[in-house]
N, C-alpha and C. Protein backbone atom coordinates (compact mmCIF):
# COMPACT_ATOMS: atom_id res chain seq x y z
N MET A 1 45.62 -48.44 11.35
CA MET A 1 46.65 -47.41 12.01
C MET A 1 45.86 -46.19 12.09
N ASP A 2 45.67 -45.33 13.02
CA ASP A 2 45.40 -44.03 12.77
C ASP A 2 46.31 -43.05 12.47
N ASP A 3 45.74 -41.98 11.66
CA ASP A 3 47.16 -41.07 10.53
C ASP A 3 47.65 -40.24 11.47
N HIS A 4 47.02 -40.40 13.03
CA HIS A 4 48.01 -39.03 13.62
C HIS A 4 47.54 -39.62 15.04
N LEU A 5 48.90 -38.98 15.92
CA LEU A 5 48.34 -39.31 17.42
C LEU A 5 48.17 -37.76 18.35
N VAL A 6 47.18 -38.05 18.90
CA VAL A 6 46.87 -36.54 19.67
C VAL A 6 47.33 -36.80 21.21
N ILE A 7 48.12 -35.98 21.54
CA ILE A 7 48.37 -35.78 22.82
C ILE A 7 47.87 -34.68 23.65
N ALA A 8 46.83 -34.84 24.80
CA ALA A 8 45.97 -34.00 25.58
C ALA A 8 47.06 -32.92 25.84
N ALA A 9 47.28 -31.83 26.04
CA ALA A 9 47.80 -30.79 26.79
C ALA A 9 48.01 -31.55 28.38
N THR A 10 46.63 -31.97 29.05
CA THR A 10 47.08 -32.65 30.29
C THR A 10 48.11 -33.52 30.77
N CYS A 11 48.31 -34.51 29.42
CA CYS A 11 49.23 -36.08 29.42
C CYS A 11 50.22 -35.63 30.39
N THR A 12 50.95 -36.28 31.49
CA THR A 12 51.80 -35.92 32.22
C THR A 12 52.58 -36.73 31.42
N VAL A 13 54.27 -35.98 31.52
CA VAL A 13 55.23 -36.69 31.23
C VAL A 13 55.55 -38.19 31.54
N ALA A 14 55.15 -38.61 32.71
CA ALA A 14 54.93 -39.85 32.50
C ALA A 14 53.85 -40.39 32.15
N GLU A 15 53.10 -40.42 31.69
CA GLU A 15 51.97 -41.05 30.72
C GLU A 15 52.40 -41.06 29.52
N LEU A 16 52.91 -39.99 28.88
CA LEU A 16 53.29 -39.91 27.70
C LEU A 16 54.69 -41.40 27.50
N LEU A 17 55.78 -40.97 28.46
CA LEU A 17 56.86 -42.01 28.36
C LEU A 17 56.56 -43.42 28.71
N ALA A 18 55.08 -44.17 29.48
CA ALA A 18 54.58 -45.15 29.66
C ALA A 18 54.11 -45.61 28.14
N PHE A 19 53.65 -44.61 27.35
CA PHE A 19 53.50 -44.98 25.84
C PHE A 19 54.24 -45.32 24.88
N ALA A 20 55.34 -44.31 25.20
CA ALA A 20 56.30 -44.41 23.98
C ALA A 20 57.13 -46.10 24.51
N GLN A 21 56.99 -45.88 25.56
CA GLN A 21 57.80 -47.78 26.13
C GLN A 21 57.24 -48.90 26.28
N ASP A 22 55.77 -48.25 25.33
CA ASP A 22 55.08 -49.57 25.43
C ASP A 22 55.50 -50.30 24.30
N PRO A 23 56.00 -51.68 23.96
CA PRO A 23 56.34 -52.75 23.05
C PRO A 23 55.07 -52.73 21.87
N ASP A 24 53.94 -52.59 22.52
CA ASP A 24 53.22 -53.26 21.82
C ASP A 24 52.52 -51.51 21.09
N ALA A 25 52.62 -50.95 20.92
CA ALA A 25 52.28 -49.69 20.34
C ALA A 25 52.95 -49.19 19.39
N PRO A 26 52.10 -48.66 18.14
CA PRO A 26 52.40 -48.11 17.24
C PRO A 26 53.55 -47.19 17.12
N TRP A 27 54.15 -46.93 15.75
CA TRP A 27 55.41 -45.99 15.65
C TRP A 27 56.65 -46.32 16.14
N PRO A 28 57.37 -47.42 16.76
CA PRO A 28 58.82 -47.25 17.58
C PRO A 28 59.04 -46.50 17.06
N ARG A 29 59.84 -46.16 15.75
CA ARG A 29 60.84 -44.76 15.52
C ARG A 29 60.65 -43.61 16.28
N ALA A 30 59.46 -43.14 16.11
CA ALA A 30 58.57 -41.65 16.66
C ALA A 30 58.73 -41.93 18.55
N ARG A 31 58.39 -43.24 18.74
CA ARG A 31 58.35 -43.72 20.45
C ARG A 31 60.02 -43.31 20.71
N ALA A 32 61.17 -44.07 20.13
CA ALA A 32 62.06 -43.66 20.53
C ALA A 32 62.93 -42.44 20.71
N LEU A 33 62.39 -41.20 19.83
CA LEU A 33 62.58 -39.69 20.23
C LEU A 33 61.90 -39.68 21.27
N ILE A 34 60.33 -39.73 21.26
CA ILE A 34 59.80 -39.37 22.45
C ILE A 34 60.30 -39.76 23.54
N THR A 35 60.66 -41.14 23.36
CA THR A 35 61.38 -41.61 25.03
C THR A 35 62.49 -40.26 25.47
N ALA A 36 63.27 -40.59 24.43
CA ALA A 36 64.24 -39.47 24.47
C ALA A 36 64.44 -37.96 25.11
N CYS A 37 63.41 -37.82 24.52
CA CYS A 37 62.44 -35.99 25.06
C CYS A 37 62.28 -36.24 26.44
N CYS A 38 61.64 -37.54 27.04
CA CYS A 38 60.89 -37.37 28.58
C CYS A 38 61.94 -37.55 29.15
N ARG A 39 63.12 -38.57 28.44
CA ARG A 39 64.05 -38.21 29.73
C ARG A 39 65.10 -37.54 29.70
N ALA A 40 64.99 -36.53 28.85
CA ALA A 40 65.83 -35.14 29.09
C ALA A 40 65.38 -33.60 29.97
N PHE A 41 64.55 -34.44 30.77
CA PHE A 41 64.24 -33.37 31.99
C PHE A 41 64.91 -33.82 32.80
N SER A 42 65.37 -32.83 33.10
CA SER A 42 66.59 -32.87 34.42
C SER A 42 65.73 -33.47 35.59
N SER A 43 64.58 -33.17 35.99
CA SER A 43 63.80 -33.41 37.22
C SER A 43 64.06 -34.90 37.30
N SER A 44 63.57 -35.34 38.79
CA SER A 44 63.12 -36.39 38.96
C SER A 44 61.90 -37.08 38.19
N PHE A 45 61.95 -38.88 38.62
CA PHE A 45 60.64 -39.42 37.91
C PHE A 45 59.14 -39.29 38.50
N LYS A 46 59.76 -38.34 40.10
CA LYS A 46 58.75 -37.85 40.58
C LYS A 46 58.05 -36.53 40.28
N VAL A 47 58.71 -35.79 39.27
CA VAL A 47 58.01 -34.23 39.27
C VAL A 47 57.89 -35.17 37.54
N TRP A 48 58.20 -36.16 36.93
CA TRP A 48 57.03 -36.76 35.74
C TRP A 48 55.72 -36.74 35.80
N ASN A 49 55.65 -37.03 37.30
CA ASN A 49 54.03 -37.17 37.27
C ASN A 49 53.08 -36.36 37.21
N THR A 50 53.63 -35.04 37.68
CA THR A 50 53.45 -33.64 37.36
C THR A 50 52.76 -32.62 36.16
N VAL A 51 54.47 -32.92 35.99
CA VAL A 51 54.75 -31.88 34.69
C VAL A 51 53.91 -32.66 33.56
N THR A 52 53.37 -31.75 32.72
CA THR A 52 52.63 -31.91 31.34
C THR A 52 53.12 -31.14 30.32
N VAL A 53 52.32 -32.05 29.21
CA VAL A 53 53.50 -31.90 27.77
C VAL A 53 52.80 -30.71 27.63
N GLY A 54 51.57 -30.27 27.69
CA GLY A 54 51.39 -28.61 27.63
C GLY A 54 51.78 -27.24 28.27
N GLY A 55 51.53 -27.93 29.53
CA GLY A 55 52.40 -27.33 30.43
C GLY A 55 54.05 -26.24 29.61
N ASN A 56 54.89 -27.60 29.67
CA ASN A 56 56.43 -27.46 28.95
C ASN A 56 56.00 -26.62 27.74
N LEU A 57 55.43 -27.17 27.16
CA LEU A 57 55.27 -25.76 26.23
C LEU A 57 54.89 -24.53 26.32
N CYS A 58 53.67 -24.29 26.69
CA CYS A 58 53.59 -22.95 27.46
C CYS A 58 54.62 -22.49 28.32
N LEU A 59 55.45 -23.17 28.84
CA LEU A 59 56.24 -22.48 29.62
C LEU A 59 57.40 -21.72 28.43
N ALA A 60 57.40 -22.63 27.52
CA ALA A 60 58.17 -22.41 26.12
C ALA A 60 59.79 -21.86 27.20
N LEU A 61 60.08 -22.93 27.77
CA LEU A 61 61.47 -22.29 28.58
C LEU A 61 62.13 -23.47 27.12
N PRO A 62 63.59 -22.88 26.91
CA PRO A 62 64.74 -23.09 25.61
C PRO A 62 64.89 -24.41 25.56
N ALA A 63 65.12 -25.12 27.28
CA ALA A 63 65.53 -26.75 27.49
C ALA A 63 64.38 -27.39 27.35
N GLY A 64 63.03 -26.92 26.71
CA GLY A 64 61.78 -27.60 27.35
C GLY A 64 61.73 -29.04 26.33
N PRO A 65 61.84 -29.89 26.54
CA PRO A 65 62.14 -31.06 25.46
C PRO A 65 60.73 -31.56 25.38
N MET A 66 59.66 -30.98 25.85
CA MET A 66 58.39 -31.52 24.67
C MET A 66 58.35 -30.72 23.51
N ILE A 67 59.17 -29.33 23.95
CA ILE A 67 59.06 -28.57 22.60
C ILE A 67 59.61 -29.03 21.57
N SER A 68 61.31 -30.06 21.64
CA SER A 68 61.62 -30.31 20.78
C SER A 68 60.81 -31.61 20.22
N MET A 69 59.97 -32.53 20.83
CA MET A 69 59.38 -33.51 20.48
C MET A 69 58.45 -33.01 19.53
N ALA A 70 57.66 -32.00 19.92
CA ALA A 70 56.23 -31.52 19.22
C ALA A 70 56.95 -31.41 17.95
N VAL A 71 58.15 -30.60 17.90
CA VAL A 71 58.52 -29.87 16.46
C VAL A 71 59.27 -30.66 15.70
N ALA A 72 60.04 -31.76 16.41
CA ALA A 72 60.31 -32.46 15.27
C ALA A 72 59.53 -33.83 14.46
N LEU A 73 58.58 -34.00 15.31
CA LEU A 73 57.84 -35.01 14.93
C LEU A 73 56.37 -33.60 14.29
N ASP A 74 56.68 -32.77 13.57
CA ASP A 74 55.83 -31.68 13.20
C ASP A 74 54.43 -31.72 13.82
N GLY A 75 54.77 -31.30 15.16
CA GLY A 75 53.25 -31.18 15.63
C GLY A 75 52.41 -29.82 15.30
N MET A 76 51.13 -30.39 15.57
CA MET A 76 50.25 -29.18 15.50
C MET A 76 49.41 -28.89 16.66
N CYS A 77 49.57 -27.70 17.25
CA CYS A 77 49.43 -27.17 18.89
C CYS A 77 47.65 -26.73 18.38
N ARG A 78 47.07 -27.17 19.17
CA ARG A 78 45.58 -26.77 19.02
C ARG A 78 45.14 -26.10 20.14
N VAL A 79 45.03 -24.67 20.05
CA VAL A 79 44.34 -23.81 21.03
C VAL A 79 42.68 -23.73 20.81
N LEU A 80 42.36 -23.46 21.95
CA LEU A 80 41.09 -23.03 22.21
C LEU A 80 41.14 -21.67 22.90
N THR A 81 39.97 -20.60 21.87
CA THR A 81 40.29 -19.24 22.41
C THR A 81 38.98 -18.72 23.47
N PRO A 82 39.32 -17.46 23.59
CA PRO A 82 38.21 -17.12 24.96
C PRO A 82 36.65 -17.42 24.31
N ASP A 83 36.55 -17.21 23.11
CA ASP A 83 35.13 -17.25 22.62
C ASP A 83 34.42 -18.54 22.08
N ARG A 84 35.28 -19.00 22.23
CA ARG A 84 35.09 -21.46 22.14
C ARG A 84 35.53 -21.38 20.94
N ARG A 85 36.24 -20.56 20.10
CA ARG A 85 37.27 -20.79 18.59
C ARG A 85 38.34 -21.76 19.00
N GLU A 86 38.38 -22.28 18.03
CA GLU A 86 40.13 -23.11 17.73
C GLU A 86 40.61 -22.54 16.83
N ARG A 87 42.11 -22.55 16.48
CA ARG A 87 43.15 -21.91 15.86
C ARG A 87 43.64 -23.21 16.16
N LEU A 88 44.86 -23.54 14.90
CA LEU A 88 45.53 -24.36 14.57
C LEU A 88 47.50 -23.76 14.59
N VAL A 89 48.57 -23.89 15.41
CA VAL A 89 49.25 -23.44 15.31
C VAL A 89 50.33 -24.50 15.19
N PRO A 90 51.39 -24.41 14.28
CA PRO A 90 52.37 -25.25 13.81
C PRO A 90 53.50 -25.56 15.41
N ALA A 91 53.71 -26.63 15.64
CA ALA A 91 54.56 -26.62 16.88
C ALA A 91 55.62 -25.79 16.68
N GLY A 92 56.15 -25.40 15.22
CA GLY A 92 57.53 -25.00 15.03
C GLY A 92 57.41 -23.65 15.15
N ASP A 93 56.57 -23.20 15.22
CA ASP A 93 55.44 -21.45 15.34
C ASP A 93 55.31 -21.32 16.60
N PHE A 94 54.98 -22.25 17.34
CA PHE A 94 53.92 -21.79 18.87
C PHE A 94 55.08 -21.24 19.89
N VAL A 95 56.29 -21.36 20.12
CA VAL A 95 57.46 -20.77 20.68
C VAL A 95 58.29 -19.95 19.82
N THR A 96 57.57 -18.68 20.29
CA THR A 96 58.61 -17.68 19.59
C THR A 96 59.65 -16.89 20.41
N GLY A 97 60.03 -17.32 21.67
CA GLY A 97 61.30 -17.26 22.04
C GLY A 97 61.52 -17.61 23.81
N ALA A 98 62.13 -17.18 24.48
CA ALA A 98 62.57 -17.66 25.86
C ALA A 98 61.33 -17.18 26.68
N GLY A 99 60.37 -18.31 27.31
CA GLY A 99 59.31 -18.01 27.88
C GLY A 99 58.06 -16.62 26.83
N ARG A 100 57.96 -17.01 25.67
CA ARG A 100 57.11 -16.51 24.92
C ARG A 100 56.65 -17.37 23.63
N THR A 101 55.33 -17.14 23.44
CA THR A 101 54.20 -18.28 23.00
C THR A 101 53.47 -17.61 21.53
N ARG A 102 53.11 -18.11 20.60
CA ARG A 102 51.61 -17.56 19.81
C ARG A 102 50.30 -17.54 20.64
N MET A 103 50.37 -18.38 21.80
CA MET A 103 48.95 -18.00 22.64
C MET A 103 48.52 -16.60 23.15
N LEU A 104 47.36 -15.77 22.82
CA LEU A 104 47.28 -15.49 23.46
C LEU A 104 46.40 -14.97 24.51
N GLN A 105 46.15 -13.83 25.45
CA GLN A 105 45.51 -13.83 26.85
C GLN A 105 43.97 -14.65 26.56
N GLY A 106 43.96 -15.46 27.71
CA GLY A 106 42.80 -15.98 27.96
C GLY A 106 42.16 -17.49 26.53
N ASP A 107 43.97 -17.66 26.13
CA ASP A 107 43.83 -19.01 24.97
C ASP A 107 44.19 -20.47 25.90
N LEU A 108 43.83 -21.12 25.70
CA LEU A 108 44.17 -22.52 26.03
C LEU A 108 44.78 -23.96 24.92
N LEU A 109 46.21 -24.06 25.69
CA LEU A 109 46.33 -25.24 24.77
C LEU A 109 45.93 -26.37 24.99
N ARG A 110 45.15 -26.89 24.09
CA ARG A 110 43.99 -28.51 23.87
C ARG A 110 45.10 -29.50 23.62
N SER A 111 45.77 -29.62 22.85
CA SER A 111 46.50 -31.13 22.56
C SER A 111 47.05 -30.34 21.52
N VAL A 112 48.17 -31.47 21.35
CA VAL A 112 49.35 -31.45 20.56
C VAL A 112 49.02 -33.08 19.51
N SER A 113 48.92 -32.31 17.81
CA SER A 113 48.51 -33.65 16.99
C SER A 113 50.53 -33.79 16.25
N LEU A 114 50.35 -35.15 16.41
CA LEU A 114 51.74 -35.84 15.60
C LEU A 114 51.20 -36.19 14.88
N PRO A 115 51.66 -36.08 13.35
CA PRO A 115 51.16 -36.85 11.76
C PRO A 115 51.36 -38.52 12.20
N ALA A 116 50.78 -39.14 11.47
CA ALA A 116 51.52 -40.17 11.26
C ALA A 116 52.64 -40.21 10.22
N ALA A 117 53.18 -39.65 9.25
CA ALA A 117 54.06 -38.92 8.31
C ALA A 117 55.08 -39.22 8.91
N ALA A 118 55.10 -38.20 9.97
CA ALA A 118 56.19 -37.82 10.27
C ALA A 118 56.43 -39.00 11.92
N LEU A 119 55.32 -39.70 12.17
CA LEU A 119 55.68 -40.28 13.03
C LEU A 119 56.54 -41.85 12.63
N GLU A 120 56.21 -41.90 11.10
CA GLU A 120 56.99 -43.13 10.65
C GLU A 120 57.82 -42.82 10.02
N ARG A 121 59.02 -41.76 9.95
CA ARG A 121 60.44 -41.64 9.80
C ARG A 121 61.14 -42.13 10.82
N HIS A 122 62.36 -42.43 10.43
CA HIS A 122 63.81 -42.29 11.23
C HIS A 122 64.13 -41.32 12.11
N THR A 123 64.63 -41.49 13.26
CA THR A 123 64.71 -40.93 14.33
C THR A 123 65.86 -40.68 15.05
N THR A 124 66.55 -39.71 15.46
CA THR A 124 67.55 -39.64 16.55
C THR A 124 67.66 -38.52 17.41
N THR A 125 68.06 -38.73 18.87
CA THR A 125 68.12 -37.78 19.35
C THR A 125 69.74 -37.39 20.33
N HIS A 126 70.07 -36.37 20.01
CA HIS A 126 71.64 -36.07 20.23
C HIS A 126 71.56 -34.89 21.67
N ARG A 127 71.90 -34.78 22.90
CA ARG A 127 71.60 -34.09 23.96
C ARG A 127 72.97 -33.66 24.94
N MET A 128 73.54 -32.42 24.86
CA MET A 128 74.68 -32.10 26.10
C MET A 128 74.04 -31.60 26.68
N SER A 129 74.69 -31.54 28.30
CA SER A 129 74.56 -30.64 29.64
C SER A 129 76.10 -30.65 29.92
N LEU A 130 75.83 -29.56 30.97
CA LEU A 130 77.01 -29.46 31.65
C LEU A 130 77.43 -30.62 32.54
N ARG A 131 76.56 -31.18 33.03
CA ARG A 131 76.97 -32.24 34.42
C ARG A 131 75.91 -33.17 34.29
N PRO A 132 75.96 -34.55 34.73
CA PRO A 132 75.36 -35.51 34.54
C PRO A 132 73.54 -35.04 34.89
N HIS A 133 72.68 -35.30 34.20
CA HIS A 133 70.87 -35.58 34.28
C HIS A 133 70.87 -33.87 34.76
N GLY A 134 71.81 -33.10 34.17
CA GLY A 134 71.69 -31.85 34.45
C GLY A 134 70.81 -31.27 33.40
N ARG A 135 70.59 -29.85 33.41
CA ARG A 135 69.52 -29.15 32.26
C ARG A 135 69.93 -29.44 31.39
N SER A 136 69.41 -29.48 29.90
CA SER A 136 69.68 -29.46 28.38
C SER A 136 70.70 -28.49 28.39
N ALA A 137 71.68 -28.50 27.45
CA ALA A 137 72.33 -27.11 27.23
C ALA A 137 72.30 -27.12 25.66
N ALA A 138 72.02 -27.76 24.70
CA ALA A 138 72.11 -28.15 23.46
C ALA A 138 70.78 -29.94 23.44
N LEU A 139 70.27 -29.80 22.31
CA LEU A 139 69.58 -30.73 21.87
C LEU A 139 69.01 -30.60 20.73
N VAL A 140 69.81 -31.62 19.99
CA VAL A 140 69.61 -31.75 18.54
C VAL A 140 68.34 -33.19 18.27
N THR A 141 67.60 -32.95 17.85
CA THR A 141 66.93 -34.23 16.72
C THR A 141 66.46 -34.22 15.40
N GLY A 142 66.76 -35.28 14.98
CA GLY A 142 67.03 -35.54 13.35
C GLY A 142 65.76 -36.62 13.30
N THR A 143 65.36 -36.24 11.86
CA THR A 143 64.20 -37.31 11.61
C THR A 143 64.42 -37.28 9.81
N TYR A 144 64.46 -38.85 9.41
CA TYR A 144 64.88 -39.06 8.15
C TYR A 144 63.41 -39.89 7.87
N ALA A 145 63.01 -39.39 5.91
CA ALA A 145 62.01 -39.97 5.55
C ALA A 145 62.64 -40.61 4.20
N PRO A 146 63.01 -41.80 4.45
CA PRO A 146 63.82 -42.79 2.92
C PRO A 146 62.92 -42.69 1.88
N ASP A 147 61.73 -42.52 1.80
CA ASP A 147 60.70 -42.72 0.77
C ASP A 147 60.64 -41.27 -0.11
N THR A 148 61.01 -40.12 0.32
CA THR A 148 61.10 -38.78 0.06
C THR A 148 62.42 -38.50 -0.05
N SER A 149 63.53 -38.90 0.69
CA SER A 149 64.60 -38.01 0.93
C SER A 149 64.72 -37.11 1.65
N ARG A 150 63.35 -36.86 2.80
CA ARG A 150 63.67 -35.46 3.35
C ARG A 150 64.70 -35.73 4.43
N LEU A 151 65.34 -34.72 5.25
CA LEU A 151 65.78 -35.00 6.44
C LEU A 151 65.86 -33.23 7.01
N ASP A 152 65.23 -33.60 8.24
CA ASP A 152 65.30 -32.23 9.29
C ASP A 152 66.30 -32.49 10.59
N ILE A 153 66.51 -31.45 10.54
CA ILE A 153 67.76 -31.09 11.85
C ILE A 153 66.79 -30.06 12.74
N VAL A 154 66.70 -30.08 14.38
CA VAL A 154 65.35 -29.26 14.79
C VAL A 154 66.86 -29.43 16.15
N VAL A 155 67.00 -28.19 16.24
CA VAL A 155 67.93 -27.28 17.46
C VAL A 155 66.75 -26.73 18.37
N THR A 156 67.43 -27.61 19.80
CA THR A 156 66.62 -26.44 20.98
C THR A 156 67.45 -26.52 22.02
N ALA A 157 67.17 -26.24 23.34
CA ALA A 157 67.60 -25.57 24.17
C ALA A 157 69.21 -24.65 24.32
N ALA A 158 69.79 -24.69 22.96
CA ALA A 158 70.97 -24.11 22.80
C ALA A 158 70.37 -22.52 22.15
N THR A 159 69.32 -22.83 22.02
CA THR A 159 68.93 -21.76 20.98
C THR A 159 67.10 -21.22 21.72
N ASN A 160 66.79 -19.85 21.59
CA ASN A 160 65.67 -19.41 22.39
C ASN A 160 64.27 -19.75 21.86
N ARG A 161 64.43 -20.28 21.00
CA ARG A 161 63.02 -20.47 20.25
C ARG A 161 63.82 -22.07 18.92
N PRO A 162 62.97 -22.72 19.06
CA PRO A 162 63.08 -24.08 17.71
C PRO A 162 63.42 -23.43 16.76
N LEU A 163 65.20 -24.17 16.32
CA LEU A 163 65.39 -23.68 15.10
C LEU A 163 65.28 -25.16 14.24
N THR A 164 64.47 -24.98 12.82
CA THR A 164 64.39 -26.33 11.91
C THR A 164 65.22 -26.12 10.91
N VAL A 165 65.83 -27.08 10.70
CA VAL A 165 66.84 -26.96 9.20
C VAL A 165 66.27 -28.13 8.22
N PRO A 166 65.79 -27.67 7.23
CA PRO A 166 65.35 -28.55 6.46
C PRO A 166 65.92 -29.06 5.59
N PHE A 167 66.25 -30.33 4.80
CA PHE A 167 66.98 -30.31 3.37
C PHE A 167 65.83 -31.63 2.38
N LEU A 168 65.72 -31.35 1.49
CA LEU A 168 65.52 -31.98 0.75
C LEU A 168 65.62 -33.49 0.40
N ARG A 169 67.22 -33.39 0.43
CA ARG A 169 67.76 -34.87 0.62
C ARG A 169 68.93 -34.57 1.53
N PRO A 170 69.53 -35.58 2.09
CA PRO A 170 70.34 -35.67 3.44
C PRO A 170 72.06 -34.70 2.82
N PRO A 171 72.22 -34.22 4.07
CA PRO A 171 73.65 -33.02 3.05
C PRO A 171 74.75 -33.86 3.67
N SER A 172 76.11 -33.35 2.98
CA SER A 172 77.22 -33.73 3.37
C SER A 172 77.09 -33.05 4.62
N PRO A 173 78.35 -33.93 5.57
CA PRO A 173 78.47 -33.00 7.04
C PRO A 173 79.11 -31.65 6.66
N PRO A 174 79.70 -31.35 5.41
CA PRO A 174 80.55 -29.58 5.48
C PRO A 174 78.99 -28.52 5.20
N LEU A 175 77.84 -29.47 4.50
CA LEU A 175 77.05 -28.43 3.84
C LEU A 175 75.93 -28.17 5.00
N LEU A 176 75.85 -29.21 5.66
CA LEU A 176 74.91 -29.44 7.39
C LEU A 176 75.41 -28.05 8.19
N ARG A 177 77.03 -28.07 8.67
CA ARG A 177 77.63 -27.28 9.75
C ARG A 177 77.54 -26.20 9.28
N ALA A 178 77.94 -25.53 7.56
CA ALA A 178 77.41 -24.65 7.01
C ALA A 178 76.04 -24.02 6.93
N ARG A 179 75.52 -24.36 6.81
CA ARG A 179 74.00 -24.05 6.85
C ARG A 179 73.54 -23.76 8.19
N LEU A 180 74.22 -24.75 9.03
CA LEU A 180 73.90 -24.37 10.75
C LEU A 180 74.81 -22.88 11.10
N GLN A 181 75.93 -23.00 10.75
CA GLN A 181 76.81 -21.91 10.97
C GLN A 181 75.81 -20.43 10.64
N GLU A 182 75.28 -20.30 9.32
CA GLU A 182 74.84 -19.61 8.62
C GLU A 182 73.14 -18.75 9.85
N LEU A 183 72.73 -20.11 10.27
CA LEU A 183 71.57 -19.76 10.80
C LEU A 183 71.59 -19.22 12.23
N LEU A 184 72.74 -19.85 13.12
CA LEU A 184 73.13 -19.50 14.67
C LEU A 184 73.37 -18.43 14.61
N LYS A 185 72.87 -17.58 14.51
CA LYS A 185 72.71 -15.96 14.91
C LYS A 185 73.32 -15.84 16.43
N PRO A 186 74.17 -15.12 16.71
CA PRO A 186 74.92 -14.75 18.44
C PRO A 186 73.14 -14.29 18.71
N GLY A 187 72.41 -13.65 18.21
CA GLY A 187 71.00 -13.06 19.44
C GLY A 187 69.84 -14.62 19.67
N LEU A 188 70.21 -15.80 18.86
CA LEU A 188 69.67 -16.52 18.85
C LEU A 188 69.94 -17.67 20.05
N ILE A 189 71.30 -17.86 20.00
CA ILE A 189 72.12 -18.65 21.22
C ILE A 189 71.45 -18.51 22.69
N VAL A 190 71.60 -18.97 23.54
CA VAL A 190 71.30 -19.04 24.76
C VAL A 190 72.17 -18.76 25.39
N ASP A 191 72.13 -17.48 26.44
CA ASP A 191 73.31 -17.54 27.05
C ASP A 191 73.23 -17.51 28.98
N ASP A 192 73.21 -18.40 29.53
CA ASP A 192 73.12 -18.35 30.48
C ASP A 192 74.10 -19.56 31.54
N VAL A 193 73.69 -19.39 32.49
CA VAL A 193 74.65 -20.27 33.43
C VAL A 193 74.67 -21.86 33.06
N HIS A 194 73.98 -22.15 32.14
CA HIS A 194 73.68 -23.91 31.86
C HIS A 194 74.64 -23.78 30.92
N GLY A 195 75.46 -22.93 30.64
CA GLY A 195 76.57 -23.23 28.84
C GLY A 195 76.84 -21.65 28.69
N HIS A 196 77.98 -21.29 27.96
CA HIS A 196 78.64 -20.18 27.14
C HIS A 196 77.71 -20.11 25.55
N PRO A 197 77.39 -19.26 25.25
CA PRO A 197 77.18 -18.90 23.80
C PRO A 197 77.58 -19.67 22.97
N ALA A 198 79.33 -19.44 23.13
CA ALA A 198 80.17 -20.34 21.84
C ALA A 198 80.26 -21.82 21.93
N TRP A 199 80.49 -22.14 23.46
CA TRP A 199 80.30 -23.44 23.51
C TRP A 199 78.71 -24.28 23.37
N ARG A 200 77.81 -23.53 23.26
CA ARG A 200 76.65 -24.45 23.05
C ARG A 200 76.85 -24.51 21.53
N ARG A 201 77.25 -23.46 20.66
CA ARG A 201 77.06 -23.21 19.04
C ARG A 201 78.00 -24.56 19.00
N GLN A 202 79.31 -24.53 19.17
CA GLN A 202 80.06 -25.75 18.91
C GLN A 202 79.65 -27.29 19.34
N VAL A 203 78.87 -27.17 20.48
CA VAL A 203 78.12 -28.23 20.27
C VAL A 203 77.00 -28.91 19.59
N THR A 204 76.35 -28.14 19.68
CA THR A 204 75.10 -28.02 18.65
C THR A 204 75.62 -28.83 17.23
N LEU A 205 76.87 -28.09 16.54
CA LEU A 205 77.36 -28.36 15.33
C LEU A 205 77.46 -29.92 15.34
N GLN A 206 78.90 -30.09 16.68
CA GLN A 206 78.79 -31.46 16.61
C GLN A 206 77.85 -32.79 16.78
N LEU A 207 76.69 -32.24 17.87
CA LEU A 207 75.94 -33.18 17.95
C LEU A 207 74.80 -33.36 16.41
N ALA A 208 74.50 -32.17 15.49
CA ALA A 208 73.63 -32.06 14.23
C ALA A 208 74.73 -33.45 13.48
N GLU A 209 75.88 -33.17 13.12
CA GLU A 209 76.94 -33.84 12.47
C GLU A 209 76.30 -35.62 12.55
N ALA A 210 76.72 -35.31 14.19
CA ALA A 210 75.69 -37.34 14.72
C ALA A 210 74.66 -37.45 14.48
N ALA A 211 73.76 -36.62 14.44
CA ALA A 211 72.64 -36.85 14.46
C ALA A 211 72.39 -37.45 12.52
N LEU A 212 73.33 -36.86 11.84
CA LEU A 212 73.13 -37.28 10.45
C LEU A 212 73.90 -38.22 10.25
N HIS A 213 75.30 -38.59 10.86
CA HIS A 213 75.63 -40.05 10.75
C HIS A 213 74.92 -40.58 11.32
N GLU A 214 73.74 -40.49 12.15
CA GLU A 214 73.55 -41.66 12.60
C GLU A 214 72.08 -42.20 11.70
N LEU A 215 71.38 -41.24 11.20
CA LEU A 215 70.43 -41.20 10.20
C LEU A 215 70.85 -42.01 8.77
N MET A 216 71.84 -41.60 8.69
CA MET A 216 72.16 -42.17 7.46
C MET A 216 73.21 -43.50 7.36
N GLY A 217 73.09 -43.95 8.77
CA GLY A 217 73.44 -45.66 9.14
C GLY A 217 75.04 -45.84 9.05
N GLU A 218 76.01 -44.88 9.29
CA GLU A 218 76.94 -44.15 9.32
C GLU A 218 77.73 -44.80 10.32
């Protein structure tokens, strides 16, 4: 088995979803998360044939589900510069704010690489929106590696940039909630027509606890 999965920036959501739903493809746990992130788009299936993974990352919209996927699975963004050099940017650092990334003028996002170690973890995805099939108001992904006890909670959609909360061992629900309450500062939470900040904050806490319970098999 390969030691990583490389997703071209030009890969469409439809193509990625087809891979994720292929029963013969490797990494079934990661494919479940990828499937959930692909289906988190509020657009119809017709749009999935034109929307690309790279385009969704570079737009850097808070509700961008490809951002959630790349960050949750420890993605590494491969960027080509105008002088044909390359640099690698961790997906967790790629988006710096709503509509802002670490891309410089003339840069081109070539691909996103997901390491096998992340693809083999247990995964879960929890999402909330104001209406069915609406834009995500909060999207929480969780990954757990039983061999190391590492557990990561990633918050997107409710925040203007991805927020990763790592734990060296699974936390108790009160510890998880306290850590998130500490990190979810008012300026980090999105305020738009798709959800009031106070509501987004509360929903995020609930989704994170649900992710923890699912990953721990409770």
